[in-house]
Amino acid sequence: IPLPTGGPWGLHVYSQGYLYFPLQITVEENQENVIPVVLPLDGNAADDPQLSNIHFEDMAGKYFRLRLTVKDDNHNLGPQVLAIDARHHRSYRLLPTAGDLADKKAAFPEGEYLSPEIEGKLETVDKSNWFFVAADHQCSNGVIYNGLNQSIYRPPATNPEPLRCEIPGIWKSNFDKTYHFRTVGPDRFTGEQLEGTLTIKDVLKKNGRVLITFVYHREEGTADLALQCTERGVQLKGPFRFPASGRKGMWLFTKLNNDKTPPSGAAIFQQNCAVCHFADTEERKVGPGLLGLFQRKVLSNGKPVSETAIVRQIREGGGGMPPFSQLKEEDIQSLAEYLKTL
């Protein structure tokens, strides 16, 4: 979801058959943000708001507006009757035809709802790229429609990417908390609890066990977990304890997603270096060809060839080469390993 800036954002998630889920998030700029959301199942679809009669109205050629009908059998409709323009990443709140309510916690009326005037020629609008949803005060949302009055619901499909029997990835615990574990070295990992107060200090894989040191409410604890992998899923399971107080219990993590595989050194080279350097010859392109780079005695800047010197050259540039400090440290290391193979 492209955003114009980083910082605090509200993420609102609607999915048919699940409860509407609002989440306060912080977006880090210049990197891909992964925000796991685990939606609670909606046990009673009978009380969901229902949409109908969605149509687009032309407003003098330069503008249009949206009109639809909302029905809510348990009469606790909330202020979120929304139209979402997926193509332009914009959303619009529709209001009752009689006007907005000052108290957003009050029950909103059933009936017709209207959007503000939206700039654009109606004949150019792709209605299949518009989506409509309504939520009530109990976090129920009903069927989600597109602008053609068609439900966009599709039966859940099996995740096409099998879960790998490894630590890095997104996990959900038996305490209804979500975690992200990442690799930082051989058999060593870092982890964070997303939207919680527990801090992961260290994650170590040793003799087939996963040992976690953590802090919760200023008290340090330890966990000794087993990585269990079956056709039905991947889990971390075992006891945790707080040595100072003696408190203990069982911790169970269920894996939700694999961590993304970092790009290979060859891919990083193609994306960042191939425009100026050949990989399969010493012939000059814009900069020197890099075939046999690590077998040479000196670099083009006269410095002795070493991994440290090459990594510094990539990171800091020099001699007509721009710096590539925007690359992550692990990407620079992958690139250096790739250059060794040339």
C-alpha atoms as a PDB file:
ATOM      1  CA  ILE A   1       0.000   0.000   0.000  1.00  0.00           C
ATOM      2  CA  PRO A   2       1.913   3.097  -1.118  1.00  0.00           C
ATOM      3  CA  LEU A   3       1.814   5.997   1.347  1.00  0.00           C
ATOM      4  CA  PRO A   4       2.971   9.605   0.890  1.00  0.00           C
ATOM      5  CA  THR A   5       5.023   9.676   4.096  1.00  0.00           C
ATOM      6  CA  GLY A   6       6.153   7.649   7.072  1.00  0.00           C
ATOM      7  CA  GLY A   7       5.073   8.121  10.675  1.00  0.00           C
ATOM      8  CA  PRO A   8       1.896   7.141  12.529  1.00  0.00           C
ATOM      9  CA  TRP A   9      -0.964   5.752  10.477  1.00  0.00           C
ATOM     10  CA  GLY A  10      -4.261   4.033  11.186  1.00  0.00           C
ATOM     11  CA  LEU A  11      -4.635   0.700   9.402  1.00  0.00           C
ATOM     12  CA  HIS A  12      -8.248  -0.439   9.044  1.00  0.00           C
ATOM     13  CA  VAL A  13      -8.803  -3.969   7.741  1.00  0.00           C
ATOM     14  CA  TYR A  14     -12.119  -5.320   6.448  1.00  0.00           C
ATOM     15  CA  SER A  15     -12.633  -8.908   5.353  1.00  0.00           C
ATOM     16  CA  GLN A  16     -15.845 -10.822   4.790  1.00  0.00           C
ATOM     17  CA  GLY A  17     -16.450 -13.424   7.489  1.00  0.00           C
ATOM     18  CA  TYR A  18     -14.120 -11.713   9.965  1.00  0.00           C
ATOM     19  CA  LEU A  19     -14.405  -8.789  12.349  1.00  0.00           C
ATOM     20  CA  TYR A  20     -13.306  -5.361  11.202  1.00  0.00           C
ATOM     21  CA  PHE A  21      -9.871  -4.629  12.708  1.00  0.00           C
ATOM     22  CA  PRO A  22      -8.366  -1.157  13.376  1.00  0.00           C
ATOM     23  CA  LEU A  23      -4.664  -0.932  14.200  1.00  0.00           C
ATOM     24  CA  GLN A  24      -2.346   1.977  15.030  1.00  0.00           C
ATOM     25  CA  ILE A  25       0.939   1.461  13.155  1.00  0.00           C
ATOM     26  CA  THR A  26       4.183   3.352  12.605  1.00  0.00           C
ATOM     27  CA  VAL A  27       5.451   3.376   9.018  1.00  0.00           C
ATOM     28  CA  GLU A  28       9.219   3.460   8.486  1.00  0.00           C
ATOM     29  CA  GLU A  29      10.203   5.346   5.341  1.00  0.00           C
ATOM     30  CA  ASN A  30      12.413   3.963   2.552  1.00  0.00           C
ATOM     31  CA  GLN A  31      11.825   0.336   3.437  1.00  0.00           C
ATOM     32  CA  GLU A  32       9.156  -2.295   3.041  1.00  0.00           C
ATOM     33  CA  ASN A  33       6.955  -2.465   6.131  1.00  0.00           C
ATOM     34  CA  VAL A  34       5.441  -5.836   7.020  1.00  0.00           C
ATOM     35  CA  ILE A  35       2.392  -5.453   9.273  1.00  0.00           C
ATOM     36  CA  PRO A  36       0.929  -8.820  10.342  1.00  0.00           C
ATOM     37  CA  VAL A  37      -2.805  -8.682  11.051  1.00  0.00           C
ATOM     38  CA  VAL A  38      -4.645 -11.646  12.545  1.00  0.00           C
ATOM     39  CA  LEU A  39      -8.390 -11.110  12.097  1.00  0.00           C
ATOM     40  CA  PRO A  40     -10.866 -12.616  14.601  1.00  0.00           C
ATOM     41  CA  LEU A  41     -13.612 -14.746  13.089  1.00  0.00           C
ATOM     42  CA  ASP A  42     -17.107 -13.266  13.043  1.00  0.00           C
ATOM     43  CA  GLY A  43     -19.320 -15.803  14.760  1.00  0.00           C
ATOM     44  CA  ASN A  44     -22.599 -14.137  13.812  1.00  0.00           C
ATOM     45  CA  ALA A  45     -23.009 -12.956  10.237  1.00  0.00           C
ATOM     46  CA  ALA A  46     -26.712 -12.208  10.812  1.00  0.00           C
ATOM     47  CA  ASP A  47     -25.934  -8.860  12.475  1.00  0.00           C
ATOM     48  CA  ASP A  48     -23.636  -7.578   9.701  1.00  0.00           C
ATOM     49  CA  PRO A  49     -24.526  -4.340   7.888  1.00  0.00           C
ATOM     50  CA  GLN A  50     -25.822  -4.995   4.370  1.00  0.00           C
ATOM     51  CA  LEU A  51     -25.186  -2.851   1.295  1.00  0.00           C
ATOM     52  CA  SER A  52     -27.307  -2.618  -1.854  1.00  0.00           C
ATOM     53  CA  ASN A  53     -28.178  -0.317  -4.767  1.00  0.00           C
ATOM     54  CA  ILE A  54     -24.634   0.957  -5.325  1.00  0.00           C
ATOM     55  CA  HIS A  55     -24.535   3.450  -8.150  1.00  0.00           C
ATOM     56  CA  PHE A  56     -22.468   6.317  -9.526  1.00  0.00           C
ATOM     57  CA  GLU A  57     -24.082   9.682 -10.305  1.00  0.00           C
ATOM     58  CA  ASP A  58     -22.711  12.138 -12.854  1.00  0.00           C
ATOM     59  CA  MET A  59     -22.304  15.702 -11.541  1.00  0.00           C
ATOM     60  CA  ALA A  60     -22.035  18.127 -14.469  1.00  0.00           C
ATOM     61  CA  GLY A  61     -19.339  16.169 -16.282  1.00  0.00           C
ATOM     62  CA  LYS A  62     -16.353  17.085 -14.092  1.00  0.00           C
ATOM     63  CA  TYR A  63     -17.454  15.382 -10.889  1.00  0.00           C
ATOM     64  CA  PHE A  64     -19.423  12.360  -9.758  1.00  0.00           C
ATOM     65  CA  ARG A  65     -20.716  11.029  -6.471  1.00  0.00           C
ATOM     66  CA  LEU A  66     -21.634   7.658  -5.012  1.00  0.00           C
ATOM     67  CA  ARG A  67     -24.955   6.556  -3.582  1.00  0.00           C
ATOM     68  CA  LEU A  68     -25.876   3.309  -1.828  1.00  0.00           C
ATOM     69  CA  THR A  69     -28.353   1.832   0.644  1.00  0.00           C
ATOM     70  CA  VAL A  70     -27.368   0.434   4.052  1.00  0.00           C
ATOM     71  CA  LYS A  71     -29.454  -1.956   6.171  1.00  0.00           C
ATOM     72  CA  ASP A  72     -28.450  -3.056   9.690  1.00  0.00           C
ATOM     73  CA  ASP A  73     -30.744  -5.505  11.459  1.00  0.00           C
ATOM     74  CA  ASN A  74     -29.396  -4.876  14.976  1.00  0.00           C
ATOM     75  CA  HIS A  75     -29.436  -1.086  14.511  1.00  0.00           C
ATOM     76  CA  ASN A  76     -25.913  -0.226  15.675  1.00  0.00           C
ATOM     77  CA  LEU A  77     -24.402   0.962  12.431  1.00  0.00           C
ATOM     78  CA  GLY A  78     -21.201   2.981  12.883  1.00  0.00           C
ATOM     79  CA  PRO A  79     -19.794   5.971  10.981  1.00  0.00           C
ATOM     80  CA  GLN A  80     -17.726   3.792   8.635  1.00  0.00           C
ATOM     81  CA  VAL A  81     -19.649   3.517   5.398  1.00  0.00           C
ATOM     82  CA  LEU A  82     -16.793   3.659   2.940  1.00  0.00           C
ATOM     83  CA  ALA A  83     -16.002   3.750  -0.758  1.00  0.00           C
ATOM     84  CA  ILE A  84     -12.436   2.840  -1.711  1.00  0.00           C
ATOM     85  CA  ASP A  85     -10.828   3.815  -5.009  1.00  0.00           C
ATOM     86  CA  ALA A  86      -8.197   1.068  -5.301  1.00  0.00           C
ATOM     87  CA  ARG A  87      -6.618   2.492  -8.436  1.00  0.00           C
ATOM     88  CA  HIS A  88      -5.806   5.854  -6.872  1.00  0.00           C
ATOM     89  CA  HIS A  89      -5.410   4.632  -3.266  1.00  0.00           C
ATOM     90  CA  ARG A  90      -8.144   6.944  -1.955  1.00  0.00           C
ATOM     91  CA  SER A  91     -11.077   6.307   0.349  1.00  0.00           C
ATOM     92  CA  TYR A  92     -14.254   8.315   0.907  1.00  0.00           C
ATOM     93  CA  ARG A  93     -16.721   8.272   3.764  1.00  0.00           C
ATOM     94  CA  LEU A  94     -20.389   8.261   2.786  1.00  0.00           C
ATOM     95  CA  LEU A  95     -22.878  10.176   4.948  1.00  0.00           C
ATOM     96  CA  PRO A  96     -26.613   9.721   5.597  1.00  0.00           C
ATOM     97  CA  THR A  97     -28.672  11.837   3.200  1.00  0.00           C
ATOM     98  CA  ALA A  98     -30.017  13.744   6.221  1.00  0.00           C
ATOM     99  CA  GLY A  99     -26.471  14.697   7.219  1.00  0.00           C
ATOM    100  CA  ASP A 100     -23.674  13.510   9.488  1.00  0.00           C
ATOM    101  CA  LEU A 101     -24.099  12.774  13.199  1.00  0.00           C
ATOM    102  CA  ALA A 102     -22.089  14.850  15.667  1.00  0.00           C
ATOM    103  CA  ASP A 103     -21.720  11.872  18.012  1.00  0.00           C
ATOM    104  CA  LYS A 104     -19.729   9.258  16.078  1.00  0.00           C
ATOM    105  CA  LYS A 105     -20.482   6.683  18.791  1.00  0.00           C
ATOM    106  CA  ALA A 106     -24.239   6.965  18.233  1.00  0.00           C
ATOM    107  CA  ALA A 107     -26.155   4.435  16.122  1.00  0.00           C
ATOM    108  CA  PHE A 108     -26.190   5.700  12.542  1.00  0.00           C
ATOM    109  CA  PRO A 109     -29.424   5.472  10.566  1.00  0.00           C
ATOM    110  CA  GLU A 110     -30.292   2.910   7.918  1.00  0.00           C
ATOM    111  CA  GLY A 111     -31.170   4.093   4.428  1.00  0.00           C
ATOM    112  CA  GLU A 112     -29.412   6.004   1.674  1.00  0.00           C
ATOM    113  CA  TYR A 113     -25.846   7.260   1.998  1.00  0.00           C
ATOM    114  CA  LEU A 114     -23.994   9.729  -0.237  1.00  0.00           C
ATOM    115  CA  SER A 115     -20.323  10.426  -0.880  1.00  0.00           C
ATOM    116  CA  PRO A 116     -18.837  13.904  -1.341  1.00  0.00           C
ATOM    117  CA  GLU A 117     -18.380  15.090  -4.906  1.00  0.00           C
ATOM    118  CA  ILE A 118     -15.368  13.329  -6.437  1.00  0.00           C
ATOM    119  CA  GLU A 119     -13.347  14.918  -9.215  1.00  0.00           C
ATOM    120  CA  GLY A 120     -13.316  12.935 -12.455  1.00  0.00           C
ATOM    121  CA  LYS A 121     -15.344  12.067 -15.519  1.00  0.00           C
ATOM    122  CA  LEU A 122     -17.741   9.243 -14.801  1.00  0.00           C
ATOM    123  CA  GLU A 123     -17.263   7.651 -18.236  1.00  0.00           C
ATOM    124  CA  THR A 124     -13.572   7.033 -17.429  1.00  0.00           C
ATOM    125  CA  VAL A 125     -14.212   5.343 -14.073  1.00  0.00           C
ATOM    126  CA  ASP A 126     -13.418   1.618 -13.830  1.00  0.00           C
ATOM    127  CA  LYS A 127     -16.159   0.510 -11.428  1.00  0.00           C
ATOM    128  CA  SER A 128     -14.496  -2.855 -10.835  1.00  0.00           C
ATOM    129  CA  ASN A 129     -11.674  -0.964  -9.058  1.00  0.00           C
ATOM    130  CA  TRP A 130     -14.055   0.581  -6.521  1.00  0.00           C
ATOM    131  CA  PHE A 131     -14.967  -1.227  -3.312  1.00  0.00           C
ATOM    132  CA  PHE A 132     -17.692  -0.587  -0.731  1.00  0.00           C
ATOM    133  CA  VAL A 133     -17.980  -1.683   2.903  1.00  0.00           C
ATOM    134  CA  ALA A 134     -19.858  -0.728   6.073  1.00  0.00           C
ATOM    135  CA  ALA A 135     -18.983  -1.515   9.709  1.00  0.00           C
ATOM    136  CA  ASP A 136     -21.040  -1.335  12.898  1.00  0.00           C
ATOM    137  CA  HIS A 137     -20.164  -0.509  16.494  1.00  0.00           C
ATOM    138  CA  GLN A 138     -19.541  -4.190  17.295  1.00  0.00           C
ATOM    139  CA  CYS A 139     -16.790  -4.333  14.648  1.00  0.00           C
ATOM    140  CA  SER A 140     -18.908  -6.389  12.246  1.00  0.00           C
ATOM    141  CA  ASN A 141     -18.657  -5.641   8.557  1.00  0.00           C
ATOM    142  CA  GLY A 142     -20.816  -7.298   5.955  1.00  0.00           C
ATOM    143  CA  VAL A 143     -20.355  -8.298   2.358  1.00  0.00           C
ATOM    144  CA  ILE A 144     -17.781  -6.173   0.500  1.00  0.00           C
ATOM    145  CA  TYR A 145     -18.922  -5.140  -2.984  1.00  0.00           C
ATOM    146  CA  ASN A 146     -17.252  -3.621  -6.012  1.00  0.00           C
ATOM    147  CA  GLY A 147     -18.767  -0.815  -8.066  1.00  0.00           C
ATOM    148  CA  LEU A 148     -20.589  -3.350 -10.251  1.00  0.00           C
ATOM    149  CA  ASN A 149     -22.693  -4.458  -7.246  1.00  0.00           C
ATOM    150  CA  GLN A 150     -20.774  -7.757  -7.161  1.00  0.00           C
ATOM    151  CA  SER A 151     -19.515  -9.385  -3.978  1.00  0.00           C
ATOM    152  CA  ILE A 152     -15.720  -9.670  -4.057  1.00  0.00           C
ATOM    153  CA  TYR A 153     -15.723 -12.633  -1.672  1.00  0.00           C
ATOM    154  CA  ARG A 154     -13.620 -15.605  -2.712  1.00  0.00           C
ATOM    155  CA  PRO A 155     -13.295 -18.828  -0.693  1.00  0.00           C
ATOM    156  CA  PRO A 156     -10.069 -18.937   1.320  1.00  0.00           C
ATOM    157  CA  ALA A 157      -7.217 -20.522  -0.617  1.00  0.00           C
ATOM    158  CA  THR A 158      -4.311 -22.476   0.801  1.00  0.00           C
ATOM    159  CA  ASN A 159      -1.156 -20.407   1.151  1.00  0.00           C
ATOM    160  CA  PRO A 160       0.782 -21.331  -2.024  1.00  0.00           C
ATOM    161  CA  GLU A 161       4.106 -20.896  -0.214  1.00  0.00           C
ATOM    162  CA  PRO A 162       4.735 -23.804   2.196  1.00  0.00           C
ATOM    163  CA  LEU A 163       5.949 -22.810   5.648  1.00  0.00           C
ATOM    164  CA  ARG A 164       9.659 -23.506   6.017  1.00  0.00           C
ATOM    165  CA  CYS A 165      10.931 -25.431   9.042  1.00  0.00           C
ATOM    166  CA  GLU A 166      13.025 -22.518  10.306  1.00  0.00           C
ATOM    167  CA  ILE A 167      12.880 -19.677  12.826  1.00  0.00           C
ATOM    168  CA  PRO A 168      12.738 -16.507  10.642  1.00  0.00           C
ATOM    169  CA  GLY A 169       9.198 -15.362   9.945  1.00  0.00           C
ATOM    170  CA  ILE A 170       5.949 -14.183  11.513  1.00  0.00           C
ATOM    171  CA  TRP A 171       4.533 -16.166  14.450  1.00  0.00           C
ATOM    172  CA  LYS A 172       1.384 -16.016  16.623  1.00  0.00           C
ATOM    173  CA  SER A 173       1.598 -17.088  20.276  1.00  0.00           C
ATOM    174  CA  ASN A 174      -0.942 -18.767  22.529  1.00  0.00           C
ATOM    175  CA  PHE A 175      -1.176 -15.405  24.346  1.00  0.00           C
ATOM    176  CA  ASP A 176      -2.680 -13.830  21.194  1.00  0.00           C
ATOM    177  CA  LYS A 177       0.485 -11.836  20.423  1.00  0.00           C
ATOM    178  CA  THR A 178       2.328 -11.653  17.108  1.00  0.00           C
ATOM    179  CA  TYR A 179       6.119 -11.850  16.727  1.00  0.00           C
ATOM    180  CA  HIS A 180       8.683 -11.346  13.984  1.00  0.00           C
ATOM    181  CA  PHE A 181      11.941 -13.325  14.180  1.00  0.00           C
ATOM    182  CA  ARG A 182      14.913 -12.478  11.912  1.00  0.00           C
ATOM    183  CA  THR A 183      18.329 -14.041  11.350  1.00  0.00           C
ATOM    184  CA  VAL A 184      21.351 -12.101  12.664  1.00  0.00           C
ATOM    185  CA  GLY A 185      23.996 -14.847  12.467  1.00  0.00           C
ATOM    186  CA  PRO A 186      24.530 -18.598  12.419  1.00  0.00           C
ATOM    187  CA  ASP A 187      21.872 -20.096  14.753  1.00  0.00           C
ATOM    188  CA  ARG A 188      21.243 -16.647  16.223  1.00  0.00           C
ATOM    189  CA  PHE A 189      18.142 -14.522  15.762  1.00  0.00           C
ATOM    190  CA  THR A 190      16.515 -11.309  16.862  1.00  0.00           C
ATOM    191  CA  GLY A 191      12.830 -10.986  17.594  1.00  0.00           C
ATOM    192  CA  GLU A 192      10.189  -8.423  18.376  1.00  0.00           C
ATOM    193  CA  GLN A 193       6.680  -8.551  19.742  1.00  0.00           C
ATOM    194  CA  LEU A 194       4.427  -6.498  17.492  1.00  0.00           C
ATOM    195  CA  GLU A 195       2.033  -4.215  19.365  1.00  0.00           C
ATOM    196  CA  GLY A 196       2.990  -5.483  22.835  1.00  0.00           C
ATOM    197  CA  THR A 197       5.147  -4.856  25.920  1.00  0.00           C
ATOM    198  CA  LEU A 198       7.373  -7.955  25.882  1.00  0.00           C
ATOM    199  CA  THR A 199      10.958  -7.393  24.699  1.00  0.00           C
ATOM    200  CA  ILE A 200      12.988 -10.189  23.106  1.00  0.00           C
ATOM    201  CA  LYS A 201      16.668  -9.923  24.169  1.00  0.00           C
ATOM    202  CA  ASP A 202      18.171 -12.987  22.493  1.00  0.00           C
ATOM    203  CA  VAL A 203      17.139 -16.017  20.447  1.00  0.00           C
ATOM    204  CA  LEU A 204      19.622 -18.874  20.115  1.00  0.00           C
ATOM    205  CA  LYS A 205      19.253 -22.253  18.413  1.00  0.00           C
ATOM    206  CA  LYS A 206      21.355 -24.825  20.289  1.00  0.00           C
ATOM    207  CA  ASN A 207      21.349 -28.629  20.147  1.00  0.00           C
ATOM    208  CA  GLY A 208      18.001 -28.675  18.379  1.00  0.00           C
ATOM    209  CA  ARG A 209      16.362 -26.364  20.948  1.00  0.00           C
ATOM    210  CA  VAL A 210      15.417 -22.697  20.639  1.00  0.00           C
ATOM    211  CA  LEU A 211      16.420 -20.685  23.711  1.00  0.00           C
ATOM    212  CA  ILE A 212      14.809 -17.264  24.189  1.00  0.00           C
ATOM    213  CA  THR A 213      15.708 -14.606  26.746  1.00  0.00           C
ATOM    214  CA  PHE A 214      13.084 -11.892  27.186  1.00  0.00           C
ATOM    215  CA  VAL A 215      11.859  -9.129  29.505  1.00  0.00           C
ATOM    216  CA  TYR A 216       8.225  -8.689  30.507  1.00  0.00           C
ATOM    217  CA  HIS A 217       7.125  -5.946  32.920  1.00  0.00           C
ATOM    218  CA  ARG A 218      10.788  -5.388  33.911  1.00  0.00           C
ATOM    219  CA  GLU A 219      11.251  -9.041  34.845  1.00  0.00           C
ATOM    220  CA  GLU A 220      13.639 -11.188  32.827  1.00  0.00           C
ATOM    221  CA  GLY A 221      12.483 -14.615  31.692  1.00  0.00           C
ATOM    222  CA  THR A 222      13.782 -17.545  29.700  1.00  0.00           C
ATOM    223  CA  ALA A 223      12.135 -20.077  27.408  1.00  0.00           C
ATOM    224  CA  ASP A 224      13.304 -23.458  26.136  1.00  0.00           C
ATOM    225  CA  LEU A 225      11.345 -24.322  22.992  1.00  0.00           C
ATOM    226  CA  ALA A 226      11.304 -27.163  20.481  1.00  0.00           C
ATOM    227  CA  LEU A 227      10.873 -26.481  16.753  1.00  0.00           C
ATOM    228  CA  GLN A 228       8.135 -28.867  15.598  1.00  0.00           C
ATOM    229  CA  CYS A 229       7.462 -29.235  11.872  1.00  0.00           C
ATOM    230  CA  THR A 230       4.665 -31.328  10.337  1.00  0.00           C
ATOM    231  CA  GLU A 231       2.574 -31.262   7.190  1.00  0.00           C
ATOM    232  CA  ARG A 232      -0.057 -29.340   9.154  1.00  0.00           C
ATOM    233  CA  GLY A 233       2.230 -26.493  10.185  1.00  0.00           C
ATOM    234  CA  VAL A 234       5.314 -25.246  12.015  1.00  0.00           C
ATOM    235  CA  GLN A 235       5.375 -24.566  15.766  1.00  0.00           C
ATOM    236  CA  LEU A 236       7.697 -23.561  18.600  1.00  0.00           C
ATOM    237  CA  LYS A 237       6.601 -25.128  21.868  1.00  0.00           C
ATOM    238  CA  GLY A 238       8.029 -25.393  25.375  1.00  0.00           C
ATOM    239  CA  PRO A 239       8.178 -23.980  28.918  1.00  0.00           C
ATOM    240  CA  PHE A 240       9.029 -20.454  29.984  1.00  0.00           C
ATOM    241  CA  ARG A 241       9.942 -19.278  33.457  1.00  0.00           C
ATOM    242  CA  PHE A 242      10.910 -16.184  35.436  1.00  0.00           C
ATOM    243  CA  PRO A 243      13.881 -17.196  37.619  1.00  0.00           C
ATOM    244  CA  ALA A 244      13.450 -14.361  40.132  1.00  0.00           C
ATOM    245  CA  SER A 245       9.774 -14.941  40.960  1.00  0.00           C
ATOM    246  CA  GLY A 246       9.493 -18.605  40.016  1.00  0.00           C
ATOM    247  CA  ARG A 247       6.533 -17.973  37.724  1.00  0.00           C
ATOM    248  CA  LYS A 248       6.339 -20.378  34.796  1.00  0.00           C
ATOM    249  CA  GLY A 249       4.075 -21.601  32.020  1.00  0.00           C
ATOM    250  CA  MET A 250       3.939 -23.000  28.497  1.00  0.00           C
ATOM    251  CA  TRP A 251       4.637 -20.969  25.371  1.00  0.00           C
ATOM    252  CA  LEU A 252       3.341 -22.045  21.971  1.00  0.00           C
ATOM    253  CA  PHE A 253       4.112 -20.196  18.743  1.00  0.00           C
ATOM    254  CA  THR A 254       2.373 -21.043  15.466  1.00  0.00           C
ATOM    255  CA  LYS A 255       4.096 -19.878  12.293  1.00  0.00           C
ATOM    256  CA  LEU A 256       2.033 -17.656   9.994  1.00  0.00           C
ATOM    257  CA  ASN A 257       4.533 -16.629   7.297  1.00  0.00           C
ATOM    258  CA  ASN A 258       8.080 -17.314   6.214  1.00  0.00           C
ATOM    259  CA  ASP A 259      10.533 -14.450   6.383  1.00  0.00           C
ATOM    260  CA  LYS A 260      11.187 -13.024   2.958  1.00  0.00           C
ATOM    261  CA  THR A 261      14.263 -14.504   1.325  1.00  0.00           C
ATOM    262  CA  PRO A 262      16.813 -11.714   0.838  1.00  0.00           C
ATOM    263  CA  PRO A 263      17.770 -11.039  -2.788  1.00  0.00           C
ATOM    264  CA  SER A 264      20.773 -12.952  -4.057  1.00  0.00           C
ATOM    265  CA  GLY A 265      24.096 -11.246  -4.673  1.00  0.00           C
ATOM    266  CA  ALA A 266      23.586 -11.783  -8.409  1.00  0.00           C
ATOM    267  CA  ALA A 267      20.205 -10.027  -8.273  1.00  0.00           C
ATOM    268  CA  ILE A 268      21.662  -7.127  -6.282  1.00  0.00           C
ATOM    269  CA  PHE A 269      24.439  -6.814  -8.877  1.00  0.00           C
ATOM    270  CA  GLN A 270      21.933  -6.678 -11.742  1.00  0.00           C
ATOM    271  CA  GLN A 271      19.835  -4.047  -9.971  1.00  0.00           C
ATOM    272  CA  ASN A 272      22.669  -1.762  -8.874  1.00  0.00           C
ATOM    273  CA  CYS A 273      25.972  -2.524 -10.640  1.00  0.00           C
ATOM    274  CA  ALA A 274      25.341  -3.980 -14.097  1.00  0.00           C
ATOM    275  CA  VAL A 275      24.654  -0.575 -15.632  1.00  0.00           C
ATOM    276  CA  CYS A 276      28.362   0.331 -15.122  1.00  0.00           C
ATOM    277  CA  HIS A 277      30.222  -2.991 -14.801  1.00  0.00           C
ATOM    278  CA  PHE A 278      30.456  -6.239 -16.768  1.00  0.00           C
ATOM    279  CA  ALA A 279      30.424  -9.400 -14.649  1.00  0.00           C
ATOM    280  CA  ASP A 280      31.788 -11.784 -17.308  1.00  0.00           C
ATOM    281  CA  THR A 281      34.769  -9.847 -18.665  1.00  0.00           C
ATOM    282  CA  GLU A 282      37.498  -7.431 -17.569  1.00  0.00           C
ATOM    283  CA  GLU A 283      36.500  -5.088 -20.417  1.00  0.00           C
ATOM    284  CA  ARG A 284      35.548  -1.603 -19.323  1.00  0.00           C
ATOM    285  CA  LYS A 285      31.894  -0.506 -19.526  1.00  0.00           C
ATOM    286  CA  VAL A 286      31.453   2.736 -17.568  1.00  0.00           C
ATOM    287  CA  GLY A 287      33.619   1.332 -14.803  1.00  0.00           C
ATOM    288  CA  PRO A 288      36.038  -1.614 -15.022  1.00  0.00           C
ATOM    289  CA  GLY A 289      34.844  -5.138 -15.732  1.00  0.00           C
ATOM    290  CA  LEU A 290      34.768  -7.276 -12.580  1.00  0.00           C
ATOM    291  CA  LEU A 291      35.664 -10.752 -13.857  1.00  0.00           C
ATOM    292  CA  GLY A 292      38.326 -12.176 -11.529  1.00  0.00           C
ATOM    293  CA  LEU A 293      38.097  -9.189  -9.165  1.00  0.00           C
ATOM    294  CA  PHE A 294      39.183 -11.099  -6.055  1.00  0.00           C
ATOM    295  CA  GLN A 295      42.139 -12.665  -7.906  1.00  0.00           C
ATOM    296  CA  ARG A 296      43.679  -9.252  -8.624  1.00  0.00           C
ATOM    297  CA  LYS A 297      46.368  -7.635  -6.513  1.00  0.00           C
ATOM    298  CA  VAL A 298      44.986  -4.096  -6.491  1.00  0.00           C
ATOM    299  CA  LEU A 299      41.693  -2.336  -7.154  1.00  0.00           C
ATOM    300  CA  SER A 300      41.332   0.366  -9.816  1.00  0.00           C
ATOM    301  CA  ASN A 301      41.888   2.963  -7.051  1.00  0.00           C
ATOM    302  CA  GLY A 302      45.284   1.399  -6.293  1.00  0.00           C
ATOM    303  CA  LYS A 303      44.309  -0.143  -2.955  1.00  0.00           C
ATOM    304  CA  PRO A 304      45.069  -3.828  -2.262  1.00  0.00           C
ATOM    305  CA  VAL A 305      42.197  -6.194  -3.007  1.00  0.00           C
ATOM    306  CA  SER A 306      40.425  -7.376   0.134  1.00  0.00           C
ATOM    307  CA  GLU A 307      36.840  -7.954   1.165  1.00  0.00           C
ATOM    308  CA  THR A 308      37.060  -4.998   3.551  1.00  0.00           C
ATOM    309  CA  ALA A 309      38.287  -2.667   0.778  1.00  0.00           C
ATOM    310  CA  ILE A 310      35.618  -3.828  -1.679  1.00  0.00           C
ATOM    311  CA  VAL A 311      32.819  -3.483   0.873  1.00  0.00           C
ATOM    312  CA  ARG A 312      34.050   0.041   1.703  1.00  0.00           C
ATOM    313  CA  GLN A 313      34.143   0.926  -2.001  1.00  0.00           C
ATOM    314  CA  ILE A 314      30.543  -0.269  -2.434  1.00  0.00           C
ATOM    315  CA  ARG A 315      29.330   1.579   0.640  1.00  0.00           C
ATOM    316  CA  GLU A 316      31.298   4.845   0.233  1.00  0.00           C
ATOM    317  CA  GLY A 317      32.046   5.019  -3.510  1.00  0.00           C
ATOM    318  CA  GLY A 318      34.954   7.055  -4.836  1.00  0.00           C
ATOM    319  CA  GLY A 319      37.002   7.400  -8.012  1.00  0.00           C
ATOM    320  CA  GLY A 320      33.930   8.272 -10.067  1.00  0.00           C
ATOM    321  CA  MET A 321      31.759   5.568  -8.481  1.00  0.00           C
ATOM    322  CA  PRO A 322      28.737   6.774  -6.486  1.00  0.00           C
ATOM    323  CA  PRO A 323      28.204   5.477  -2.934  1.00  0.00           C
ATOM    324  CA  PHE A 324      25.634   2.714  -2.430  1.00  0.00           C
ATOM    325  CA  SER A 325      25.040   3.437   1.252  1.00  0.00           C
ATOM    326  CA  GLN A 326      21.304   2.973   0.688  1.00  0.00           C
ATOM    327  CA  LEU A 327      21.867  -0.784   0.447  1.00  0.00           C
ATOM    328  CA  LYS A 328      21.269  -2.792   3.593  1.00  0.00           C
ATOM    329  CA  GLU A 329      24.398  -4.172   5.219  1.00  0.00           C
ATOM    330  CA  GLU A 330      23.317  -7.745   4.492  1.00  0.00           C
ATOM    331  CA  ASP A 331      22.808  -6.834   0.820  1.00  0.00           C
ATOM    332  CA  ILE A 332      26.334  -5.394   0.608  1.00  0.00           C
ATOM    333  CA  GLN A 333      27.711  -8.594   2.126  1.00  0.00           C
ATOM    334  CA  SER A 334      25.696 -10.712  -0.340  1.00  0.00           C
ATOM    335  CA  LEU A 335      27.049  -8.594  -3.183  1.00  0.00           C
ATOM    336  CA  ALA A 336      30.630  -9.073  -1.945  1.00  0.00           C
ATOM    337  CA  GLU A 337      30.126 -12.846  -1.762  1.00  0.00           C
ATOM    338  CA  TYR A 338      28.817 -12.798  -5.331  1.00  0.00           C
ATOM    339  CA  LEU A 339      31.836 -10.821  -6.547  1.00  0.00           C
ATOM    340  CA  LYS A 340      34.081 -13.553  -5.123  1.00  0.00           C
ATOM    341  CA  THR A 341      32.538 -16.025  -7.575  1.00  0.00           C
ATOM    342  CA  LEU A 342      33.344 -14.002 -10.697  1.00  0.00           C
END
